[in-house]
Every structure is written in C-alpha cells, then in structure tokens.
Amino acid sequence: MRILAAGSRPVPTRATSWAAPPVGEAPRACQRRSTGFTLLELLVVVAIIAIGTAGVSLALRDASASSLEREAQRLAALLESGRAQSRASGRVVVWRAKERGFEFSGVDGDALPTNWLGTDTAVQGTATLQLGPEPLIEPQGVLLVSTSQPERRLRVATDGLRPFSVQPGSRP
C-alpha cells in the first residue's frame, strides 16, 4: 500500500490502470448510464409506434365499400359487353334488375351472368337499361346501393356515346 502526500495524485500502475476498473466494479460513467432509458429515447419509440399504427389504420379499407365498388365495376363491364353483343347481332339487348340479381334479354343463352357477386348489393331507382343496337344510345344509368350500409351508393352510367363508368352515387 502506498501512502501519498497531501495534494498529490496517485500515478496509475499496471494493477490500478485507469482503463481497467477493479473486478466487479464499473466506472462511474457506466453506472449512471445503465440505470434506464432517457426520456428522449422513450419519446422516439412512442413516435415510431404512433406512425406505424396510423399507417396501418389508413391502409385498411372498408370491406363493404370495396365490395360495392367491385360490383359497380363488374356491372359496367357487363353492360359494355351487352352493348357490344347488341351492336354485333343487330338486336336490342335490355338489362333489367331483378329481386336477387339482374337479367339480359336479347342475348343468346347464358352469355352473360345474372347475379351479383355478394348478397349486399341492390339496385335503387330505374331498373331497366336499353343497350343498343345503335352506336349512340340515350344517356342512362343505374344506382347501386349497399343493403348493409344504405348511405354507400355508386352510379353506373353512360352519356350515350362513352362507355358505362362508375361514378359517385347520386339520384338516378
């Protein structure tokens, strides 16, 4: 053991080097740092979780809205198909809404489907469309509504020259 004079500093030796603390002890800087997380670290983690949660909630779509949109897109394609068949055959093709689906009259056999993909779709308003055989037809449309959420509406319509398209719901 060394005895030092008052006011003098000990000189580190190999056994008591500043770089290596005694076995079982940690330097003071490490002791203060290892007590927990700082407030800034916790705030960063909370912000990352909040951004991730917001992204996931925005990515989720309402199933009934996408179902009605899918039905409207399908109906627009079917109406254009019926219109093309009417022009090719020279016969009038008429689309009518039924209680549980729809029908095309004037086409051969089962050329076009006659039912909705889901049970949640219904037609409101005018339920008959004439699809040809003239190249220009009168402006017409049909309003599709979701039976589970009546405020959700989409209109499938044409101006007579352009193809049938899906538009935001309004009065037929």
Protein backbone atom coordinates (compact mmCIF):
# COMPACT_ATOMS: atom_id res chain seq x y z
CA MET A 1 0.00 0.00 0.00
CA ARG A 2 1.25 3.44 -0.92
CA ILE A 3 0.96 6.47 1.21
CA LEU A 4 0.71 9.74 -0.67
CA ALA A 5 1.43 13.21 0.43
CA ALA A 6 -1.47 15.60 0.80
CA GLY A 7 -2.48 17.13 -2.56
CA SER A 8 -0.60 14.68 -4.74
CA ARG A 9 -2.31 12.44 -7.28
CA PRO A 10 -1.77 8.74 -7.48
CA VAL A 11 0.06 7.54 -10.54
CA PRO A 12 -1.68 4.64 -12.22
CA THR A 13 0.25 1.45 -12.27
CA ARG A 14 -0.41 -1.70 -14.19
CA ALA A 15 -2.52 -3.11 -11.37
CA THR A 16 -4.56 0.08 -10.95
CA SER A 17 -4.81 1.31 -14.55
CA TRP A 18 -7.46 3.93 -15.40
CA ALA A 19 -8.63 1.78 -18.32
CA ALA A 20 -9.45 -1.30 -16.31
CA PRO A 21 -11.57 -0.85 -13.18
CA PRO A 22 -11.20 -3.38 -10.40
CA VAL A 23 -13.04 -6.64 -10.92
CA GLY A 24 -16.74 -6.41 -10.07
CA GLU A 25 -16.91 -2.63 -10.30
CA ALA A 26 -17.97 -0.43 -13.20
CA PRO A 27 -16.70 3.07 -13.90
CA ARG A 28 -18.89 5.92 -12.69
CA ALA A 29 -19.96 6.98 -16.20
CA CYS A 30 -21.27 3.47 -16.91
CA GLN A 31 -23.08 3.27 -13.59
CA ARG A 32 -25.12 6.40 -14.30
CA ARG A 33 -25.90 5.44 -17.93
CA SER A 34 -27.11 1.89 -17.23
CA THR A 35 -29.93 2.89 -14.87
CA GLY A 36 -32.61 3.12 -17.63
CA PHE A 37 -33.79 4.84 -20.78
CA THR A 38 -33.80 8.57 -21.24
CA LEU A 39 -36.97 10.50 -21.88
CA LEU A 40 -35.82 11.27 -25.41
CA GLU A 41 -35.37 7.57 -26.21
CA LEU A 42 -38.85 6.77 -24.92
CA LEU A 43 -40.40 9.61 -26.95
CA VAL A 44 -38.71 8.37 -30.13
CA VAL A 45 -40.07 4.85 -29.58
CA VAL A 46 -43.59 6.16 -28.89
CA ALA A 47 -43.45 8.32 -32.05
CA ILE A 48 -42.38 5.33 -34.17
CA ILE A 49 -45.24 3.22 -32.79
CA ALA A 50 -47.74 6.03 -33.43
CA ILE A 51 -46.62 6.46 -37.05
CA GLY A 52 -46.82 2.71 -37.64
CA THR A 53 -50.31 2.48 -36.15
CA ALA A 54 -51.54 5.40 -38.24
CA GLY A 55 -50.15 3.81 -41.40
CA VAL A 56 -51.87 0.51 -40.72
CA SER A 57 -55.22 2.12 -39.93
CA LEU A 58 -55.10 4.15 -43.16
CA ALA A 59 -54.21 1.06 -45.18
CA LEU A 60 -57.27 -0.89 -44.03
CA ARG A 61 -60.24 -0.48 -46.38
CA ASP A 62 -63.88 -0.89 -45.59
CA ALA A 63 -64.97 -4.28 -46.97
CA SER A 64 -68.49 -3.17 -47.91
CA ALA A 65 -67.18 -0.13 -49.79
CA SER A 66 -64.74 -2.19 -51.84
CA SER A 67 -67.43 -4.84 -52.43
CA LEU A 68 -69.87 -2.27 -53.81
CA GLU A 69 -67.12 -0.73 -55.94
CA ARG A 70 -66.20 -4.16 -57.30
CA GLU A 71 -69.87 -4.85 -58.15
CA ALA A 72 -70.17 -1.48 -59.90
CA GLN A 73 -67.02 -2.07 -61.97
CA ARG A 74 -68.26 -5.54 -62.89
CA LEU A 75 -71.69 -4.21 -63.89
CA ALA A 76 -70.09 -1.51 -66.07
CA ALA A 77 -68.05 -4.18 -67.87
CA LEU A 78 -71.12 -6.43 -68.29
CA LEU A 79 -73.19 -3.55 -69.68
CA GLU A 80 -70.45 -2.75 -72.19
CA SER A 81 -70.31 -6.42 -73.15
CA GLY A 82 -74.08 -6.45 -73.66
CA ARG A 83 -73.82 -3.27 -75.70
CA ALA A 84 -71.13 -4.82 -77.93
CA GLN A 85 -73.20 -8.00 -78.40
CA SER A 86 -76.22 -5.87 -79.33
CA ARG A 87 -74.25 -3.99 -81.99
CA ALA A 88 -72.72 -7.20 -83.35
CA SER A 89 -76.04 -9.06 -83.62
CA GLY A 90 -78.19 -6.07 -84.58
CA ARG A 91 -80.72 -6.93 -81.84
CA VAL A 92 -81.84 -4.84 -78.90
CA VAL A 93 -80.37 -6.01 -75.59
CA VAL A 94 -82.17 -4.93 -72.43
CA TRP A 95 -80.74 -5.12 -68.92
CA ARG A 96 -83.27 -5.45 -66.07
CA ALA A 97 -82.74 -5.59 -62.34
CA LYS A 98 -84.50 -8.41 -60.54
CA GLU A 99 -85.10 -9.02 -56.86
CA ARG A 100 -81.87 -11.03 -56.45
CA GLY A 101 -79.73 -10.12 -59.41
CA PHE A 102 -80.38 -8.98 -62.95
CA GLU A 103 -81.00 -10.31 -66.44
CA PHE A 104 -80.03 -9.54 -70.00
CA SER A 105 -82.77 -10.13 -72.56
CA GLY A 106 -81.87 -10.28 -76.24
CA VAL A 107 -78.61 -12.23 -75.85
CA ASP A 108 -78.07 -15.89 -76.61
CA GLY A 109 -78.44 -18.31 -73.68
CA ASP A 110 -76.12 -17.85 -70.73
CA ALA A 111 -73.73 -15.49 -72.48
CA LEU A 112 -73.74 -13.06 -69.55
CA PRO A 113 -74.07 -13.66 -65.78
CA THR A 114 -77.34 -12.88 -64.00
CA ASN A 115 -76.39 -12.47 -60.34
CA TRP A 116 -74.42 -10.22 -58.03
CA LEU A 117 -71.19 -11.49 -56.53
CA GLY A 118 -72.44 -10.79 -52.99
CA THR A 119 -75.80 -10.53 -51.25
CA ASP A 120 -75.17 -6.94 -50.14
CA THR A 121 -75.89 -5.21 -53.49
CA ALA A 122 -79.23 -3.85 -54.65
CA VAL A 123 -80.50 -1.52 -57.37
CA GLN A 124 -82.33 1.66 -56.48
CA GLY A 125 -84.38 3.68 -58.93
CA THR A 126 -84.58 2.92 -62.65
CA ALA A 127 -84.05 -0.77 -63.16
CA THR A 128 -84.11 -1.11 -66.99
CA LEU A 129 -81.40 -0.12 -69.48
CA GLN A 130 -81.56 -0.45 -73.28
CA LEU A 131 -78.14 -1.31 -74.72
CA GLY A 132 -78.39 -0.85 -78.48
CA PRO A 133 -78.03 -1.80 -81.31
CA GLU A 134 -77.41 1.82 -82.38
CA PRO A 135 -73.91 3.23 -81.82
CA LEU A 136 -75.42 6.11 -79.85
CA ILE A 137 -77.83 5.25 -77.06
CA GLU A 138 -79.69 7.63 -74.82
CA PRO A 139 -77.97 8.71 -71.58
CA GLN A 140 -78.90 6.26 -68.86
CA GLY A 141 -77.66 4.77 -65.63
CA VAL A 142 -78.44 2.69 -62.61
CA LEU A 143 -77.84 3.39 -58.93
CA LEU A 144 -76.27 0.60 -56.87
CA VAL A 145 -76.66 0.68 -53.11
CA SER A 146 -75.27 -1.44 -50.29
CA THR A 147 -78.09 -3.03 -48.27
CA SER A 148 -75.99 -3.16 -45.10
CA GLN A 149 -74.94 0.50 -45.42
CA PRO A 150 -77.59 2.40 -47.42
CA GLU A 151 -75.52 5.60 -47.42
CA ARG A 152 -73.00 3.89 -49.72
CA ARG A 153 -74.09 4.40 -53.32
CA LEU A 154 -72.44 4.20 -56.71
CA ARG A 155 -73.91 5.09 -60.07
CA VAL A 156 -73.07 3.14 -63.24
CA ALA A 157 -73.94 5.41 -66.15
CA THR A 158 -73.20 6.47 -69.72
CA ASP A 159 -73.84 9.64 -71.65
CA GLY A 160 -74.80 7.54 -74.69
CA LEU A 161 -71.50 7.90 -76.52
CA ARG A 162 -68.89 6.91 -73.96
CA PRO A 163 -68.71 3.53 -72.21
CA PHE A 164 -70.51 2.87 -68.93
CA SER A 165 -68.47 4.10 -65.99
CA VAL A 166 -68.69 4.13 -62.21
CA GLN A 167 -69.47 7.50 -60.65
CA PRO A 168 -70.17 8.64 -57.09
CA GLY A 169 -73.72 7.82 -56.03
CA SER A 170 -76.49 10.32 -56.58
CA ARG A 171 -80.08 10.34 -57.72
CA PRO A 172 -80.76 8.04 -60.71
